[in-house]
ModelCIF file with pLDDT and N, C-alpha, C, O atoms, coordinates in Angstrom:
data_MODEL
#
_entry.id   MODEL 
#
_entity.id                         1 
_entity.type                       polymer 
_entity.pdbx_number_of_molecules   1 
#
_entity_poly.entity_id                      1 
_entity_poly.type                           'polypeptide(L)' 
_entity_poly.nstd_linkage                   no 
_entity_poly.nstd_monomer                   no 
_entity_poly.pdbx_seq_one_letter_code       YVASQTGMCKAGRRSTKWAYFVAAPGFGPIRDIGIPTSGIYVVIAV 
_entity_poly.pdbx_seq_one_letter_code_can   YVASQTGMCKAGRRSTKWAYFVAAPGFGPIRDIGIPTSGIYVVIAV 
_entity_poly.pdbx_strand_id                 A 
#
loop_
_entity_poly_seq.entity_id 
_entity_poly_seq.num 
_entity_poly_seq.mon_id 
_entity_poly_seq.hetero 
1 1  TYR n 
1 2  VAL n 
1 3  ALA n 
1 4  SER n 
1 5  GLN n 
1 6  THR n 
1 7  GLY n 
1 8  MET n 
1 9  CYS n 
1 10 LYS n 
1 11 ALA n 
1 12 GLY n 
1 13 ARG n 
1 14 ARG n 
1 15 SER n 
1 16 THR n 
1 17 LYS n 
1 18 TRP n 
1 19 ALA n 
1 20 TYR n 
1 21 PHE n 
1 22 VAL n 
1 23 ALA n 
1 24 ALA n 
1 25 PRO n 
1 26 GLY n 
1 27 PHE n 
1 28 GLY n 
1 29 PRO n 
1 30 ILE n 
1 31 ARG n 
1 32 ASP n 
1 33 ILE n 
1 34 GLY n 
1 35 ILE n 
1 36 PRO n 
1 37 THR n 
1 38 SER n 
1 39 GLY n 
1 40 ILE n 
1 41 TYR n 
1 42 VAL n 
1 43 VAL n 
1 44 ILE n 
1 45 ALA n 
1 46 VAL n 
#
_struct_asym.id          A 
_struct_asym.entity_id   1 
#
loop_
_ma_qa_metric.id 
_ma_qa_metric.mode 
_ma_qa_metric.name 
_ma_qa_metric.software_group_id 
_ma_qa_metric.type 
1 global pLDDT . pLDDT 
2 local  pLDDT . pLDDT 
#
_ma_qa_metric_global.metric_id      1 
_ma_qa_metric_global.metric_value   90.85 
_ma_qa_metric_global.model_id       1 
_ma_qa_metric_global.ordinal_id     1 
#
loop_
_ma_qa_metric_local.label_asym_id 
_ma_qa_metric_local.label_comp_id 
_ma_qa_metric_local.label_seq_id 
_ma_qa_metric_local.metric_id 
_ma_qa_metric_local.metric_value 
_ma_qa_metric_local.model_id 
_ma_qa_metric_local.ordinal_id 
A TYR 1  2 93.00 1 1  
A VAL 2  2 95.00 1 2  
A ALA 3  2 94.00 1 3  
A SER 4  2 93.00 1 4  
A GLN 5  2 91.00 1 5  
A THR 6  2 92.00 1 6  
A GLY 7  2 91.00 1 7  
A MET 8  2 91.00 1 8  
A CYS 9  2 90.00 1 9  
A LYS 10 2 87.00 1 10 
A ALA 11 2 77.00 1 11 
A GLY 12 2 77.00 1 12 
A ARG 13 2 79.00 1 13 
A ARG 14 2 82.00 1 14 
A SER 15 2 89.00 1 15 
A THR 16 2 92.00 1 16 
A LYS 17 2 94.00 1 17 
A TRP 18 2 93.00 1 18 
A ALA 19 2 93.00 1 19 
A TYR 20 2 92.00 1 20 
A PHE 21 2 95.00 1 21 
A VAL 22 2 94.00 1 22 
A ALA 23 2 95.00 1 23 
A ALA 24 2 93.00 1 24 
A PRO 25 2 93.00 1 25 
A GLY 26 2 88.00 1 26 
A PHE 27 2 85.00 1 27 
A GLY 28 2 83.00 1 28 
A PRO 29 2 91.00 1 29 
A ILE 30 2 91.00 1 30 
A ARG 31 2 90.00 1 31 
A ASP 32 2 92.00 1 32 
A ILE 33 2 94.00 1 33 
A GLY 34 2 94.00 1 34 
A ILE 35 2 94.00 1 35 
A PRO 36 2 90.00 1 36 
A THR 37 2 90.00 1 37 
A SER 38 2 92.00 1 38 
A GLY 39 2 91.00 1 39 
A ILE 40 2 93.00 1 40 
A TYR 41 2 95.00 1 41 
A VAL 42 2 94.00 1 42 
A VAL 43 2 95.00 1 43 
A ILE 44 2 93.00 1 44 
A ALA 45 2 95.00 1 45 
A VAL 46 2 94.00 1 46 
#
loop_
_atom_site.group_PDB 
_atom_site.id 
_atom_site.type_symbol 
_atom_site.label_atom_id 
_atom_site.label_alt_id 
_atom_site.label_comp_id 
_atom_site.label_asym_id 
_atom_site.label_entity_id 
_atom_site.label_seq_id 
_atom_site.pdbx_PDB_ins_code 
_atom_site.Cartn_x 
_atom_site.Cartn_y 
_atom_site.Cartn_z 
_atom_site.occupancy 
_atom_site.B_iso_or_equiv 
_atom_site.pdbx_formal_charge 
_atom_site.auth_seq_id 
_atom_site.auth_comp_id 
_atom_site.auth_asym_id 
_atom_site.auth_atom_id 
_atom_site.pdbx_PDB_model_num 
ATOM 1   N N  . TYR A 1 1  ? -1.883  -24.949 13.261 1.00 93.00 ? 1  TYR A N  1 
ATOM 2   C CA . TYR A 1 1  ? -0.876  -23.915 13.062 1.00 93.00 ? 1  TYR A CA 1 
ATOM 3   C C  . TYR A 1 1  ? -1.361  -22.623 13.698 1.00 93.00 ? 1  TYR A C  1 
ATOM 4   O O  . TYR A 1 1  ? -2.498  -22.206 13.477 1.00 93.00 ? 1  TYR A O  1 
ATOM 5   N N  . VAL A 1 2  ? -0.499  -21.987 14.490 1.00 95.00 ? 2  VAL A N  1 
ATOM 6   C CA . VAL A 1 2  ? -0.833  -20.716 15.137 1.00 95.00 ? 2  VAL A CA 1 
ATOM 7   C C  . VAL A 1 2  ? 0.391   -19.813 15.057 1.00 95.00 ? 2  VAL A C  1 
ATOM 8   O O  . VAL A 1 2  ? 1.490   -20.222 15.431 1.00 95.00 ? 2  VAL A O  1 
ATOM 9   N N  . ALA A 1 3  ? 0.208   -18.593 14.574 1.00 94.00 ? 3  ALA A N  1 
ATOM 10  C CA . ALA A 1 3  ? 1.337   -17.676 14.442 1.00 94.00 ? 3  ALA A CA 1 
ATOM 11  C C  . ALA A 1 3  ? 0.863   -16.236 14.554 1.00 94.00 ? 3  ALA A C  1 
ATOM 12  O O  . ALA A 1 3  ? -0.314  -15.930 14.361 1.00 94.00 ? 3  ALA A O  1 
ATOM 13  N N  . SER A 1 4  ? 1.808   -15.361 14.869 1.00 93.00 ? 4  SER A N  1 
ATOM 14  C CA . SER A 1 4  ? 1.513   -13.938 14.933 1.00 93.00 ? 4  SER A CA 1 
ATOM 15  C C  . SER A 1 4  ? 2.684   -13.165 14.349 1.00 93.00 ? 4  SER A C  1 
ATOM 16  O O  . SER A 1 4  ? 3.800   -13.676 14.257 1.00 93.00 ? 4  SER A O  1 
ATOM 17  N N  . GLN A 1 5  ? 2.416   -11.936 13.959 1.00 91.00 ? 5  GLN A N  1 
ATOM 18  C CA . GLN A 1 5  ? 3.465   -11.113 13.374 1.00 91.00 ? 5  GLN A CA 1 
ATOM 19  C C  . GLN A 1 5  ? 3.125   -9.640  13.591 1.00 91.00 ? 5  GLN A C  1 
ATOM 20  O O  . GLN A 1 5  ? 1.955   -9.258  13.581 1.00 91.00 ? 5  GLN A O  1 
ATOM 21  N N  . THR A 1 6  ? 4.136   -8.832  13.783 1.00 92.00 ? 6  THR A N  1 
ATOM 22  C CA . THR A 1 6  ? 3.945   -7.396  13.931 1.00 92.00 ? 6  THR A CA 1 
ATOM 23  C C  . THR A 1 6  ? 4.912   -6.666  13.017 1.00 92.00 ? 6  THR A C  1 
ATOM 24  O O  . THR A 1 6  ? 5.930   -7.217  12.598 1.00 92.00 ? 6  THR A O  1 
ATOM 25  N N  . GLY A 1 7  ? 4.578   -5.412  12.713 1.00 91.00 ? 7  GLY A N  1 
ATOM 26  C CA . GLY A 1 7  ? 5.451   -4.639  11.846 1.00 91.00 ? 7  GLY A CA 1 
ATOM 27  C C  . GLY A 1 7  ? 4.998   -3.202  11.760 1.00 91.00 ? 7  GLY A C  1 
ATOM 28  O O  . GLY A 1 7  ? 4.163   -2.754  12.546 1.00 91.00 ? 7  GLY A O  1 
ATOM 29  N N  . MET A 1 8  ? 5.545   -2.487  10.813 1.00 91.00 ? 8  MET A N  1 
ATOM 30  C CA . MET A 1 8  ? 5.159   -1.098  10.614 1.00 91.00 ? 8  MET A CA 1 
ATOM 31  C C  . MET A 1 8  ? 5.190   -0.753  9.130  1.00 91.00 ? 8  MET A C  1 
ATOM 32  O O  . MET A 1 8  ? 5.860   -1.416  8.338  1.00 91.00 ? 8  MET A O  1 
ATOM 33  N N  . CYS A 1 9  ? 4.458   0.293   8.770  1.00 90.00 ? 9  CYS A N  1 
ATOM 34  C CA . CYS A 1 9  ? 4.410   0.766   7.394  1.00 90.00 ? 9  CYS A CA 1 
ATOM 35  C C  . CYS A 1 9  ? 4.634   2.274   7.389  1.00 90.00 ? 9  CYS A C  1 
ATOM 36  O O  . CYS A 1 9  ? 4.276   2.968   8.341  1.00 90.00 ? 9  CYS A O  1 
ATOM 37  N N  . LYS A 1 10 ? 5.223   2.766   6.320  1.00 87.00 ? 10 LYS A N  1 
ATOM 38  C CA . LYS A 1 10 ? 5.413   4.203   6.152  1.00 87.00 ? 10 LYS A CA 1 
ATOM 39  C C  . LYS A 1 10 ? 5.003   4.604   4.747  1.00 87.00 ? 10 LYS A C  1 
ATOM 40  O O  . LYS A 1 10 ? 5.400   3.979   3.763  1.00 87.00 ? 10 LYS A O  1 
ATOM 41  N N  . ALA A 1 11 ? 4.202   5.658   4.671  1.00 77.00 ? 11 ALA A N  1 
ATOM 42  C CA . ALA A 1 11 ? 3.792   6.222   3.392  1.00 77.00 ? 11 ALA A CA 1 
ATOM 43  C C  . ALA A 1 11 ? 3.904   7.734   3.520  1.00 77.00 ? 11 ALA A C  1 
ATOM 44  O O  . ALA A 1 11 ? 3.032   8.374   4.109  1.00 77.00 ? 11 ALA A O  1 
ATOM 45  N N  . GLY A 1 12 ? 4.967   8.309   2.975  1.00 77.00 ? 12 GLY A N  1 
ATOM 46  C CA . GLY A 1 12 ? 5.211   9.725   3.160  1.00 77.00 ? 12 GLY A CA 1 
ATOM 47  C C  . GLY A 1 12 ? 5.576   9.998   4.604  1.00 77.00 ? 12 GLY A C  1 
ATOM 48  O O  . GLY A 1 12 ? 6.486   9.377   5.154  1.00 77.00 ? 12 GLY A O  1 
ATOM 49  N N  . ARG A 1 13 ? 4.866   10.928  5.215  1.00 79.00 ? 13 ARG A N  1 
ATOM 50  C CA . ARG A 1 13 ? 5.110   11.235  6.623  1.00 79.00 ? 13 ARG A CA 1 
ATOM 51  C C  . ARG A 1 13 ? 4.242   10.397  7.554  1.00 79.00 ? 13 ARG A C  1 
ATOM 52  O O  . ARG A 1 13 ? 4.377   10.485  8.775  1.00 79.00 ? 13 ARG A O  1 
ATOM 53  N N  . ARG A 1 14 ? 3.363   9.594   6.992  1.00 82.00 ? 14 ARG A N  1 
ATOM 54  C CA . ARG A 1 14 ? 2.453   8.789   7.811  1.00 82.00 ? 14 ARG A CA 1 
ATOM 55  C C  . ARG A 1 14 ? 3.077   7.437   8.108  1.00 82.00 ? 14 ARG A C  1 
ATOM 56  O O  . ARG A 1 14 ? 3.591   6.766   7.213  1.00 82.00 ? 14 ARG A O  1 
ATOM 57  N N  . SER A 1 15 ? 3.028   7.046   9.366  1.00 89.00 ? 15 SER A N  1 
ATOM 58  C CA . SER A 1 15 ? 3.524   5.726   9.756  1.00 89.00 ? 15 SER A CA 1 
ATOM 59  C C  . SER A 1 15 ? 2.446   5.005   10.555 1.00 89.00 ? 15 SER A C  1 
ATOM 60  O O  . SER A 1 15 ? 1.681   5.635   11.285 1.00 89.00 ? 15 SER A O  1 
ATOM 61  N N  . THR A 1 16 ? 2.387   3.709   10.418 1.00 92.00 ? 16 THR A N  1 
ATOM 62  C CA . THR A 1 16 ? 1.421   2.886   11.138 1.00 92.00 ? 16 THR A CA 1 
ATOM 63  C C  . THR A 1 16 ? 2.121   1.673   11.730 1.00 92.00 ? 16 THR A C  1 
ATOM 64  O O  . THR A 1 16 ? 3.187   1.257   11.278 1.00 92.00 ? 16 THR A O  1 
ATOM 65  N N  . LYS A 1 17 ? 1.487   1.122   12.754 1.00 94.00 ? 17 LYS A N  1 
ATOM 66  C CA . LYS A 1 17 ? 1.921   -0.155  13.315 1.00 94.00 ? 17 LYS A CA 1 
ATOM 67  C C  . LYS A 1 17 ? 0.832   -1.186  13.038 1.00 94.00 ? 17 LYS A C  1 
ATOM 68  O O  . LYS A 1 17 ? -0.356  -0.872  13.106 1.00 94.00 ? 17 LYS A O  1 
ATOM 69  N N  . TRP A 1 18 ? 1.235   -2.408  12.728 1.00 93.00 ? 18 TRP A N  1 
ATOM 70  C CA . TRP A 1 18 ? 0.240   -3.438  12.444 1.00 93.00 ? 18 TRP A CA 1 
ATOM 71  C C  . TRP A 1 18 ? 0.576   -4.732  13.184 1.00 93.00 ? 18 TRP A C  1 
ATOM 72  O O  . TRP A 1 18 ? 1.721   -4.993  13.553 1.00 93.00 ? 18 TRP A O  1 
ATOM 73  N N  . ALA A 1 19 ? -0.463  -5.520  13.382 1.00 93.00 ? 19 ALA A N  1 
ATOM 74  C CA . ALA A 1 19 ? -0.313  -6.841  14.001 1.00 93.00 ? 19 ALA A CA 1 
ATOM 75  C C  . ALA A 1 19 ? -1.256  -7.810  13.309 1.00 93.00 ? 19 ALA A C  1 
ATOM 76  O O  . ALA A 1 19 ? -2.345  -7.442  12.870 1.00 93.00 ? 19 ALA A O  1 
ATOM 77  N N  . TYR A 1 20 ? -0.813  -9.052  13.221 1.00 92.00 ? 20 TYR A N  1 
ATOM 78  C CA . TYR A 1 20 ? -1.570  -10.084 12.513 1.00 92.00 ? 20 TYR A CA 1 
ATOM 79  C C  . TYR A 1 20 ? -1.547  -11.359 13.345 1.00 92.00 ? 20 TYR A C  1 
ATOM 80  O O  . TYR A 1 20 ? -0.528  -11.713 13.936 1.00 92.00 ? 20 TYR A O  1 
ATOM 81  N N  . PHE A 1 21 ? -2.684  -12.039 13.381 1.00 95.00 ? 21 PHE A N  1 
ATOM 82  C CA . PHE A 1 21 ? -2.773  -13.308 14.103 1.00 95.00 ? 21 PHE A CA 1 
ATOM 83  C C  . PHE A 1 21 ? -3.553  -14.290 13.233 1.00 95.00 ? 21 PHE A C  1 
ATOM 84  O O  . PHE A 1 21 ? -4.591  -13.944 12.669 1.00 95.00 ? 21 PHE A O  1 
ATOM 85  N N  . VAL A 1 22 ? -3.046  -15.510 13.131 1.00 94.00 ? 22 VAL A N  1 
ATOM 86  C CA . VAL A 1 22 ? -3.751  -16.536 12.354 1.00 94.00 ? 22 VAL A CA 1 
ATOM 87  C C  . VAL A 1 22 ? -3.656  -17.866 13.102 1.00 94.00 ? 22 VAL A C  1 
ATOM 88  O O  . VAL A 1 22 ? -2.624  -18.196 13.685 1.00 94.00 ? 22 VAL A O  1 
ATOM 89  N N  . ALA A 1 23 ? -4.749  -18.616 13.072 1.00 95.00 ? 23 ALA A N  1 
ATOM 90  C CA . ALA A 1 23 ? -4.768  -19.937 13.705 1.00 95.00 ? 23 ALA A CA 1 
ATOM 91  C C  . ALA A 1 23 ? -5.613  -20.886 12.871 1.00 95.00 ? 23 ALA A C  1 
ATOM 92  O O  . ALA A 1 23 ? -6.733  -20.560 12.477 1.00 95.00 ? 23 ALA A O  1 
ATOM 93  N N  . ALA A 1 24 ? -5.063  -22.059 12.610 1.00 93.00 ? 24 ALA A N  1 
ATOM 94  C CA . ALA A 1 24 ? -5.793  -23.149 11.970 1.00 93.00 ? 24 ALA A CA 1 
ATOM 95  C C  . ALA A 1 24 ? -5.899  -24.268 13.008 1.00 93.00 ? 24 ALA A C  1 
ATOM 96  O O  . ALA A 1 24 ? -4.897  -24.927 13.288 1.00 93.00 ? 24 ALA A O  1 
ATOM 97  N N  . PRO A 1 25 ? -7.083  -24.505 13.590 1.00 93.00 ? 25 PRO A N  1 
ATOM 98  C CA . PRO A 1 25 ? -7.213  -25.431 14.722 1.00 93.00 ? 25 PRO A CA 1 
ATOM 99  C C  . PRO A 1 25 ? -6.862  -26.884 14.446 1.00 93.00 ? 25 PRO A C  1 
ATOM 100 O O  . PRO A 1 25 ? -6.411  -27.578 15.357 1.00 93.00 ? 25 PRO A O  1 
ATOM 101 N N  . GLY A 1 26 ? -7.049  -27.369 13.234 1.00 88.00 ? 26 GLY A N  1 
ATOM 102 C CA . GLY A 1 26 ? -6.769  -28.767 12.958 1.00 88.00 ? 26 GLY A CA 1 
ATOM 103 C C  . GLY A 1 26 ? -7.613  -29.698 13.824 1.00 88.00 ? 26 GLY A C  1 
ATOM 104 O O  . GLY A 1 26 ? -8.789  -29.430 14.071 1.00 88.00 ? 26 GLY A O  1 
ATOM 105 N N  . PHE A 1 27 ? -6.999  -30.806 14.289 1.00 85.00 ? 27 PHE A N  1 
ATOM 106 C CA . PHE A 1 27 ? -7.719  -31.791 15.105 1.00 85.00 ? 27 PHE A CA 1 
ATOM 107 C C  . PHE A 1 27 ? -7.200  -31.851 16.541 1.00 85.00 ? 27 PHE A C  1 
ATOM 108 O O  . PHE A 1 27 ? -7.522  -32.778 17.284 1.00 85.00 ? 27 PHE A O  1 
ATOM 109 N N  . GLY A 1 28 ? -6.402  -30.867 16.925 1.00 83.00 ? 28 GLY A N  1 
ATOM 110 C CA . GLY A 1 28 ? -5.842  -30.870 18.260 1.00 83.00 ? 28 GLY A CA 1 
ATOM 111 C C  . GLY A 1 28 ? -6.741  -30.198 19.280 1.00 83.00 ? 28 GLY A C  1 
ATOM 112 O O  . GLY A 1 28 ? -7.887  -29.863 18.978 1.00 83.00 ? 28 GLY A O  1 
ATOM 113 N N  . PRO A 1 29 ? -6.226  -29.999 20.490 1.00 91.00 ? 29 PRO A N  1 
ATOM 114 C CA . PRO A 1 29 ? -6.993  -29.375 21.581 1.00 91.00 ? 29 PRO A CA 1 
ATOM 115 C C  . PRO A 1 29 ? -7.486  -27.966 21.273 1.00 91.00 ? 29 PRO A C  1 
ATOM 116 O O  . PRO A 1 29 ? -8.441  -27.497 21.893 1.00 91.00 ? 29 PRO A O  1 
ATOM 117 N N  . ILE A 1 30 ? -6.844  -27.284 20.320 1.00 91.00 ? 30 ILE A N  1 
ATOM 118 C CA . ILE A 1 30 ? -7.282  -25.933 19.988 1.00 91.00 ? 30 ILE A CA 1 
ATOM 119 C C  . ILE A 1 30 ? -8.716  -25.937 19.463 1.00 91.00 ? 30 ILE A C  1 
ATOM 120 O O  . ILE A 1 30 ? -9.435  -24.946 19.596 1.00 91.00 ? 30 ILE A O  1 
ATOM 121 N N  . ARG A 1 31 ? -9.127  -27.050 18.869 1.00 90.00 ? 31 ARG A N  1 
ATOM 122 C CA . ARG A 1 31 ? -10.502 -27.140 18.366 1.00 90.00 ? 31 ARG A CA 1 
ATOM 123 C C  . ARG A 1 31 ? -11.513 -27.239 19.513 1.00 90.00 ? 31 ARG A C  1 
ATOM 124 O O  . ARG A 1 31 ? -12.708 -27.030 19.303 1.00 90.00 ? 31 ARG A O  1 
ATOM 125 N N  . ASP A 1 32 ? -11.045 -27.552 20.713 1.00 92.00 ? 32 ASP A N  1 
ATOM 126 C CA . ASP A 1 32 ? -11.947 -27.677 21.857 1.00 92.00 ? 32 ASP A CA 1 
ATOM 127 C C  . ASP A 1 32 ? -12.349 -26.320 22.430 1.00 92.00 ? 32 ASP A C  1 
ATOM 128 O O  . ASP A 1 32 ? -13.259 -26.245 23.256 1.00 92.00 ? 32 ASP A O  1 
ATOM 129 N N  . ILE A 1 33 ? -11.679 -25.241 21.998 1.00 94.00 ? 33 ILE A N  1 
ATOM 130 C CA . ILE A 1 33 ? -12.056 -23.908 22.451 1.00 94.00 ? 33 ILE A CA 1 
ATOM 131 C C  . ILE A 1 33 ? -12.442 -23.074 21.232 1.00 94.00 ? 33 ILE A C  1 
ATOM 132 O O  . ILE A 1 33 ? -12.197 -23.469 20.092 1.00 94.00 ? 33 ILE A O  1 
ATOM 133 N N  . GLY A 1 34 ? -13.034 -21.941 21.483 1.00 94.00 ? 34 GLY A N  1 
ATOM 134 C CA . GLY A 1 34 ? -13.422 -21.093 20.356 1.00 94.00 ? 34 GLY A CA 1 
ATOM 135 C C  . GLY A 1 34 ? -14.670 -21.603 19.661 1.00 94.00 ? 34 GLY A C  1 
ATOM 136 O O  . GLY A 1 34 ? -15.678 -21.890 20.308 1.00 94.00 ? 34 GLY A O  1 
ATOM 137 N N  . ILE A 1 35 ? -14.601 -21.717 18.336 1.00 94.00 ? 35 ILE A N  1 
ATOM 138 C CA . ILE A 1 35 ? -15.733 -22.149 17.513 1.00 94.00 ? 35 ILE A CA 1 
ATOM 139 C C  . ILE A 1 35 ? -15.428 -23.541 16.963 1.00 94.00 ? 35 ILE A C  1 
ATOM 140 O O  . ILE A 1 35 ? -14.490 -23.686 16.179 1.00 94.00 ? 35 ILE A O  1 
ATOM 141 N N  . PRO A 1 36 ? -16.185 -24.564 17.346 1.00 90.00 ? 36 PRO A N  1 
ATOM 142 C CA . PRO A 1 36 ? -15.862 -25.943 16.972 1.00 90.00 ? 36 PRO A CA 1 
ATOM 143 C C  . PRO A 1 36 ? -15.748 -26.198 15.472 1.00 90.00 ? 36 PRO A C  1 
ATOM 144 O O  . PRO A 1 36 ? -14.979 -27.060 15.050 1.00 90.00 ? 36 PRO A O  1 
ATOM 145 N N  . THR A 1 37 ? -16.505 -25.458 14.666 1.00 90.00 ? 37 THR A N  1 
ATOM 146 C CA . THR A 1 37 ? -16.501 -25.717 13.222 1.00 90.00 ? 37 THR A CA 1 
ATOM 147 C C  . THR A 1 37 ? -15.582 -24.782 12.436 1.00 90.00 ? 37 THR A C  1 
ATOM 148 O O  . THR A 1 37 ? -15.655 -24.736 11.208 1.00 90.00 ? 37 THR A O  1 
ATOM 149 N N  . SER A 1 38 ? -14.718 -24.038 13.129 1.00 92.00 ? 38 SER A N  1 
ATOM 150 C CA . SER A 1 38 ? -13.850 -23.099 12.421 1.00 92.00 ? 38 SER A CA 1 
ATOM 151 C C  . SER A 1 38 ? -12.639 -23.791 11.816 1.00 92.00 ? 38 SER A C  1 
ATOM 152 O O  . SER A 1 38 ? -11.982 -24.600 12.471 1.00 92.00 ? 38 SER A O  1 
ATOM 153 N N  . GLY A 1 39 ? -12.352 -23.469 10.566 1.00 91.00 ? 39 GLY A N  1 
ATOM 154 C CA . GLY A 1 39 ? -11.155 -23.986 9.919  1.00 91.00 ? 39 GLY A CA 1 
ATOM 155 C C  . GLY A 1 39 ? -9.972  -23.053 10.081 1.00 91.00 ? 39 GLY A C  1 
ATOM 156 O O  . GLY A 1 39 ? -8.820  -23.485 10.049 1.00 91.00 ? 39 GLY A O  1 
ATOM 157 N N  . ILE A 1 40 ? -10.265 -21.756 10.257 1.00 93.00 ? 40 ILE A N  1 
ATOM 158 C CA . ILE A 1 40 ? -9.195  -20.774 10.388 1.00 93.00 ? 40 ILE A CA 1 
ATOM 159 C C  . ILE A 1 40 ? -9.724  -19.532 11.086 1.00 93.00 ? 40 ILE A C  1 
ATOM 160 O O  . ILE A 1 40 ? -10.882 -19.152 10.911 1.00 93.00 ? 40 ILE A O  1 
ATOM 161 N N  . TYR A 1 41 ? -8.866  -18.905 11.879 1.00 95.00 ? 41 TYR A N  1 
ATOM 162 C CA . TYR A 1 41 ? -9.156  -17.617 12.491 1.00 95.00 ? 41 TYR A CA 1 
ATOM 163 C C  . TYR A 1 41 ? -8.135  -16.606 11.981 1.00 95.00 ? 41 TYR A C  1 
ATOM 164 O O  . TYR A 1 41 ? -6.951  -16.921 11.861 1.00 95.00 ? 41 TYR A O  1 
ATOM 165 N N  . VAL A 1 42 ? -8.590  -15.404 11.683 1.00 94.00 ? 42 VAL A N  1 
ATOM 166 C CA . VAL A 1 42 ? -7.685  -14.357 11.217 1.00 94.00 ? 42 VAL A CA 1 
ATOM 167 C C  . VAL A 1 42 ? -8.042  -13.035 11.890 1.00 94.00 ? 42 VAL A C  1 
ATOM 168 O O  . VAL A 1 42 ? -9.211  -12.654 11.942 1.00 94.00 ? 42 VAL A O  1 
ATOM 169 N N  . VAL A 1 43 ? -7.033  -12.341 12.402 1.00 95.00 ? 43 VAL A N  1 
ATOM 170 C CA . VAL A 1 43 ? -7.205  -10.997 12.959 1.00 95.00 ? 43 VAL A CA 1 
ATOM 171 C C  . VAL A 1 43 ? -6.067  -10.125 12.442 1.00 95.00 ? 43 VAL A C  1 
ATOM 172 O O  . VAL A 1 43 ? -4.902  -10.519 12.504 1.00 95.00 ? 43 VAL A O  1 
ATOM 173 N N  . ILE A 1 44 ? -6.400  -8.950  11.935 1.00 93.00 ? 44 ILE A N  1 
ATOM 174 C CA . ILE A 1 44 ? -5.386  -7.984  11.538 1.00 93.00 ? 44 ILE A CA 1 
ATOM 175 C C  . ILE A 1 44 ? -5.824  -6.617  12.022 1.00 93.00 ? 44 ILE A C  1 
ATOM 176 O O  . ILE A 1 44 ? -6.999  -6.261  11.926 1.00 93.00 ? 44 ILE A O  1 
ATOM 177 N N  . ALA A 1 45 ? -4.862  -5.841  12.552 1.00 95.00 ? 45 ALA A N  1 
ATOM 178 C CA . ALA A 1 45 ? -5.164  -4.500  13.042 1.00 95.00 ? 45 ALA A CA 1 
ATOM 179 C C  . ALA A 1 45 ? -4.036  -3.565  12.649 1.00 95.00 ? 45 ALA A C  1 
ATOM 180 O O  . ALA A 1 45 ? -2.862  -3.933  12.692 1.00 95.00 ? 45 ALA A O  1 
ATOM 181 N N  . VAL A 1 46 ? -4.406  -2.344  12.263 1.00 94.00 ? 46 VAL A N  1 
ATOM 182 C CA . VAL A 1 46 ? -3.437  -1.326  11.861 1.00 94.00 ? 46 VAL A CA 1 
ATOM 183 C C  . VAL A 1 46 ? -3.808  -0.031  12.574 1.00 94.00 ? 46 VAL A C  1 
ATOM 184 O O  . VAL A 1 46 ? -3.136  0.985   12.399 1.00 94.00 ? 46 VAL A O  1 
#
């Protein structure tokens, strides 16, 4: 499973933009790249 999402947040006059990425390699070709023993990858930035 691989997915991404973007959005924004507002708190008072402050606003932010965020992005999220998640990947679960499973047993497919995605496991052949990156880290062989990884069960999940997560990245979030604001």
